[in-house]
Amino acid sequence: MSKRGIDFLEKWMAEHLPNALTDDPAAISDLADQAMKAADKEGIRTDEISEEVGPVFGVIADAMLHREGGLAG
């Protein structure tokens, strides 16, 4: 079942992160909350994702930091 969680998170990030340019921890926390709410709506438990990737906040923060071209600074 963890594969399903990872697949969901990867798809969610691909759809939502290109529109989000931030390194603000509060904004990243909001994105992580949005991702987990969306997963819940799809019937995917938080632990299905976190067992494989750890805290979703960290995954999103890392993705934002390493996005192509990085953040303007």
C-alpha atoms as a PDB file:
ATOM      1  CA  MET A   1       0.000   0.000   0.000  1.00  0.00           C
ATOM      2  CA  SER A   2       2.900   2.399   0.486  1.00  0.00           C
ATOM      3  CA  LYS A   3       3.457   2.427  -3.297  1.00  0.00           C
ATOM      4  CA  ARG A   4      -0.016   3.874  -3.666  1.00  0.00           C
ATOM      5  CA  GLY A   5       0.850   6.610  -1.163  1.00  0.00           C
ATOM      6  CA  ILE A   6       4.086   7.501  -2.922  1.00  0.00           C
ATOM      7  CA  ASP A   7       2.387   7.561  -6.311  1.00  0.00           C
ATOM      8  CA  PHE A   8      -0.279   9.883  -4.935  1.00  0.00           C
ATOM      9  CA  LEU A   9       2.253  12.261  -3.368  1.00  0.00           C
ATOM     10  CA  GLU A  10       4.377  12.415  -6.521  1.00  0.00           C
ATOM     11  CA  LYS A  11       1.321  13.200  -8.654  1.00  0.00           C
ATOM     12  CA  TRP A  12       0.043  15.779  -6.154  1.00  0.00           C
ATOM     13  CA  MET A  13       3.409  17.534  -6.022  1.00  0.00           C
ATOM     14  CA  ALA A  14       3.713  17.551  -9.825  1.00  0.00           C
ATOM     15  CA  GLU A  15       0.307  19.218 -10.060  1.00  0.00           C
ATOM     16  CA  HIS A  16       0.653  21.710  -7.189  1.00  0.00           C
ATOM     17  CA  LEU A  17       4.288  22.646  -6.637  1.00  0.00           C
ATOM     18  CA  PRO A  18       4.991  24.256 -10.019  1.00  0.00           C
ATOM     19  CA  ASN A  19       2.572  27.018  -8.981  1.00  0.00           C
ATOM     20  CA  ALA A  20       4.126  27.454  -5.521  1.00  0.00           C
ATOM     21  CA  LEU A  21       7.356  29.404  -5.267  1.00  0.00           C
ATOM     22  CA  THR A  22       8.307  29.664  -1.615  1.00  0.00           C
ATOM     23  CA  ASP A  23      10.890  28.749   0.951  1.00  0.00           C
ATOM     24  CA  ASP A  24       8.662  29.959   3.807  1.00  0.00           C
ATOM     25  CA  PRO A  25       8.234  27.122   6.343  1.00  0.00           C
ATOM     26  CA  ALA A  26       4.652  28.194   7.120  1.00  0.00           C
ATOM     27  CA  ALA A  27       3.694  28.065   3.442  1.00  0.00           C
ATOM     28  CA  ILE A  28       5.386  24.682   3.016  1.00  0.00           C
ATOM     29  CA  SER A  29       3.523  23.415   6.085  1.00  0.00           C
ATOM     30  CA  ASP A  30       0.264  24.570   4.484  1.00  0.00           C
ATOM     31  CA  LEU A  31       1.176  22.701   1.289  1.00  0.00           C
ATOM     32  CA  ALA A  32       1.911  19.552   3.301  1.00  0.00           C
ATOM     33  CA  ASP A  33      -1.468  19.885   5.039  1.00  0.00           C
ATOM     34  CA  GLN A  34      -3.190  20.323   1.675  1.00  0.00           C
ATOM     35  CA  ALA A  35      -1.468  17.211   0.325  1.00  0.00           C
ATOM     36  CA  MET A  36      -2.528  15.138   3.329  1.00  0.00           C
ATOM     37  CA  LYS A  37      -6.131  16.371   3.098  1.00  0.00           C
ATOM     38  CA  ALA A  38      -6.183  15.470  -0.595  1.00  0.00           C
ATOM     39  CA  ALA A  39      -4.752  12.023   0.193  1.00  0.00           C
ATOM     40  CA  ASP A  40      -7.423  11.498   2.828  1.00  0.00           C
ATOM     41  CA  LYS A  41     -10.124  12.377   0.285  1.00  0.00           C
ATOM     42  CA  GLU A  42      -8.655   9.674  -1.964  1.00  0.00           C
ATOM     43  CA  GLY A  43      -8.783   7.168   0.879  1.00  0.00           C
ATOM     44  CA  ILE A  44      -5.014   7.165   1.391  1.00  0.00           C
ATOM     45  CA  ARG A  45      -3.869   7.175   5.013  1.00  0.00           C
ATOM     46  CA  THR A  46      -1.051   9.495   6.070  1.00  0.00           C
ATOM     47  CA  ASP A  47       1.055   6.530   7.185  1.00  0.00           C
ATOM     48  CA  GLU A  48       0.904   5.057   3.668  1.00  0.00           C
ATOM     49  CA  ILE A  49       2.948   8.050   2.577  1.00  0.00           C
ATOM     50  CA  SER A  50       5.084   8.765   5.629  1.00  0.00           C
ATOM     51  CA  GLU A  51       6.231   5.137   6.051  1.00  0.00           C
ATOM     52  CA  GLU A  52       8.059   5.424   2.742  1.00  0.00           C
ATOM     53  CA  VAL A  53       9.150   9.059   2.552  1.00  0.00           C
ATOM     54  CA  GLY A  54       9.110  10.352   6.129  1.00  0.00           C
ATOM     55  CA  PRO A  55       7.485  13.659   7.006  1.00  0.00           C
ATOM     56  CA  VAL A  56       5.682  15.170   4.023  1.00  0.00           C
ATOM     57  CA  PHE A  57       6.850  18.643   5.090  1.00  0.00           C
ATOM     58  CA  GLY A  58      10.453  17.544   4.498  1.00  0.00           C
ATOM     59  CA  VAL A  59       9.659  16.028   1.116  1.00  0.00           C
ATOM     60  CA  ILE A  60       7.940  19.193  -0.079  1.00  0.00           C
ATOM     61  CA  ALA A  61      10.623  21.471   1.392  1.00  0.00           C
ATOM     62  CA  ASP A  62      13.315  19.418  -0.343  1.00  0.00           C
ATOM     63  CA  ALA A  63      11.393  19.508  -3.631  1.00  0.00           C
ATOM     64  CA  MET A  64      11.051  23.283  -3.379  1.00  0.00           C
ATOM     65  CA  LEU A  65      14.746  23.679  -2.623  1.00  0.00           C
ATOM     66  CA  HIS A  66      15.877  21.458  -5.492  1.00  0.00           C
ATOM     67  CA  ARG A  67      13.375  22.495  -8.123  1.00  0.00           C
ATOM     68  CA  GLU A  68      14.825  23.251 -11.541  1.00  0.00           C
ATOM     69  CA  GLY A  69      16.407  26.674 -11.413  1.00  0.00           C
ATOM     70  CA  GLY A  70      15.848  27.032  -7.658  1.00  0.00           C
ATOM     71  CA  LEU A  71      14.054  29.890  -5.961  1.00  0.00           C
ATOM     72  CA  ALA A  72      14.759  33.488  -6.814  1.00  0.00           C
ATOM     73  CA  GLY A  73      16.705  35.011  -4.011  1.00  0.00           C
END
